């Protein structure tokens, strides 16, 4: 465990139990959210690869138009 996380847990131990539970719920939700994001990103690699290849093909065939901030 990192020093910073140990310090955070030490501080959390001083909080009332209800606040500890609220903090724990936030931390667990953040961890679960990160795991969902990593899984989703890992599973999307084939789709992203296909989209990138299609964009490259369109660029090579001149099907892409220039677009910049002034075009908004």
C-alpha atoms as a PDB file:
ATOM      1  CA  UNK A   1       0.000   0.000   0.000  1.00  0.00           C
ATOM      2  CA  UNK A   2       1.297   3.444  -0.841  1.00  0.00           C
ATOM      3  CA  UNK A   3       2.256   5.909   1.862  1.00  0.00           C
ATOM      4  CA  UNK A   4      -0.413   8.349   0.702  1.00  0.00           C
ATOM      5  CA  UNK A   5      -3.160   5.724   0.854  1.00  0.00           C
ATOM      6  CA  UNK A   6      -2.020   4.634   4.307  1.00  0.00           C
ATOM      7  CA  UNK A   7      -2.196   8.262   5.419  1.00  0.00           C
ATOM      8  CA  UNK A   8      -5.695   8.625   3.976  1.00  0.00           C
ATOM      9  CA  UNK A   9      -6.855   5.521   5.826  1.00  0.00           C
ATOM     10  CA  UNK A  10      -5.351   6.807   9.065  1.00  0.00           C
ATOM     11  CA  UNK A  11      -7.277  10.045   8.659  1.00  0.00           C
ATOM     12  CA  UNK A  12     -10.449   8.148   7.748  1.00  0.00           C
ATOM     13  CA  UNK A  13     -10.192   6.067  10.941  1.00  0.00           C
ATOM     14  CA  UNK A  14     -10.738   9.270  12.915  1.00  0.00           C
ATOM     15  CA  UNK A  15     -14.052   9.990  11.211  1.00  0.00           C
ATOM     16  CA  UNK A  16     -17.423   8.870  12.592  1.00  0.00           C
ATOM     17  CA  UNK A  17     -18.534   5.482  11.286  1.00  0.00           C
ATOM     18  CA  UNK A  18     -21.219   6.972   9.024  1.00  0.00           C
ATOM     19  CA  UNK A  19     -18.623   9.184   7.322  1.00  0.00           C
ATOM     20  CA  UNK A  20     -16.240   6.236   7.009  1.00  0.00           C
ATOM     21  CA  UNK A  21     -19.004   4.279   5.274  1.00  0.00           C
ATOM     22  CA  UNK A  22     -19.711   7.179   2.914  1.00  0.00           C
ATOM     23  CA  UNK A  23     -16.020   7.500   2.085  1.00  0.00           C
ATOM     24  CA  UNK A  24     -15.725   3.749   1.565  1.00  0.00           C
ATOM     25  CA  UNK A  25     -18.723   3.765  -0.787  1.00  0.00           C
ATOM     26  CA  UNK A  26     -17.142   6.552  -2.852  1.00  0.00           C
ATOM     27  CA  UNK A  27     -13.810   4.746  -3.016  1.00  0.00           C
ATOM     28  CA  UNK A  28     -15.379   1.431  -3.998  1.00  0.00           C
ATOM     29  CA  UNK A  29     -17.502   3.086  -6.689  1.00  0.00           C
ATOM     30  CA  UNK A  30     -14.413   4.792  -8.101  1.00  0.00           C
ATOM     31  CA  UNK A  31     -12.510   1.493  -8.209  1.00  0.00           C
ATOM     32  CA  UNK A  32     -15.440  -0.273  -9.881  1.00  0.00           C
ATOM     33  CA  UNK A  33     -15.817   2.562 -12.382  1.00  0.00           C
ATOM     34  CA  UNK A  34     -12.137   2.349 -13.288  1.00  0.00           C
ATOM     35  CA  UNK A  35     -12.396  -1.418 -13.743  1.00  0.00           C
ATOM     36  CA  UNK A  36     -15.453  -0.994 -16.014  1.00  0.00           C
ATOM     37  CA  UNK A  37     -13.601   1.627 -18.076  1.00  0.00           C
ATOM     38  CA  UNK A  38     -10.525  -0.580 -18.454  1.00  0.00           C
ATOM     39  CA  UNK A  39     -12.653  -3.559 -19.485  1.00  0.00           C
ATOM     40  CA  UNK A  40     -14.676  -1.474 -21.938  1.00  0.00           C
ATOM     41  CA  UNK A  41     -11.536   0.039 -23.456  1.00  0.00           C
ATOM     42  CA  UNK A  42      -9.846  -3.353 -23.783  1.00  0.00           C
ATOM     43  CA  UNK A  43     -12.913  -4.814 -25.470  1.00  0.00           C
ATOM     44  CA  UNK A  44     -13.158  -1.910 -27.916  1.00  0.00           C
ATOM     45  CA  UNK A  45      -9.729  -2.337 -29.485  1.00  0.00           C
ATOM     46  CA  UNK A  46     -11.019  -4.229 -32.537  1.00  0.00           C
ATOM     47  CA  UNK A  47     -13.693  -1.619 -33.192  1.00  0.00           C
ATOM     48  CA  UNK A  48     -11.205   1.229 -32.749  1.00  0.00           C
ATOM     49  CA  UNK A  49      -8.745  -0.492 -35.086  1.00  0.00           C
ATOM     50  CA  UNK A  50     -11.441  -0.890 -37.767  1.00  0.00           C
ATOM     51  CA  UNK A  51     -12.480   2.758 -37.402  1.00  0.00           C
ATOM     52  CA  UNK A  52      -8.867   3.931 -37.691  1.00  0.00           C
ATOM     53  CA  UNK A  53      -8.294   1.801 -40.783  1.00  0.00           C
ATOM     54  CA  UNK A  54     -11.475   3.161 -42.365  1.00  0.00           C
ATOM     55  CA  UNK A  55     -10.395   6.748 -41.619  1.00  0.00           C
ATOM     56  CA  UNK A  56      -6.986   6.097 -43.165  1.00  0.00           C
ATOM     57  CA  UNK A  57      -8.581   4.570 -46.255  1.00  0.00           C
ATOM     58  CA  UNK A  58     -10.933   7.548 -46.615  1.00  0.00           C
ATOM     59  CA  UNK A  59      -8.004   9.960 -46.275  1.00  0.00           C
ATOM     60  CA  UNK A  60      -5.967   8.069 -48.879  1.00  0.00           C
ATOM     61  CA  UNK A  61      -8.924   8.134 -51.283  1.00  0.00           C
ATOM     62  CA  UNK A  62      -9.488  11.863 -50.785  1.00  0.00           C
ATOM     63  CA  UNK A  63     -12.834  11.444 -49.045  1.00  0.00           C
ATOM     64  CA  UNK A  64     -11.816  13.590 -46.076  1.00  0.00           C
ATOM     65  CA  UNK A  65     -12.490  17.317 -45.820  1.00  0.00           C
ATOM     66  CA  UNK A  66     -10.292  19.726 -43.867  1.00  0.00           C
ATOM     67  CA  UNK A  67     -11.901  20.866 -40.628  1.00  0.00           C
ATOM     68  CA  UNK A  68     -10.609  23.419 -38.177  1.00  0.00           C
ATOM     69  CA  UNK A  69     -11.794  25.607 -35.306  1.00  0.00           C
ATOM     70  CA  UNK A  70     -13.054  28.255 -37.744  1.00  0.00           C
ATOM     71  CA  UNK A  71     -15.406  25.687 -39.289  1.00  0.00           C
ATOM     72  CA  UNK A  72     -17.567  25.418 -36.177  1.00  0.00           C
END
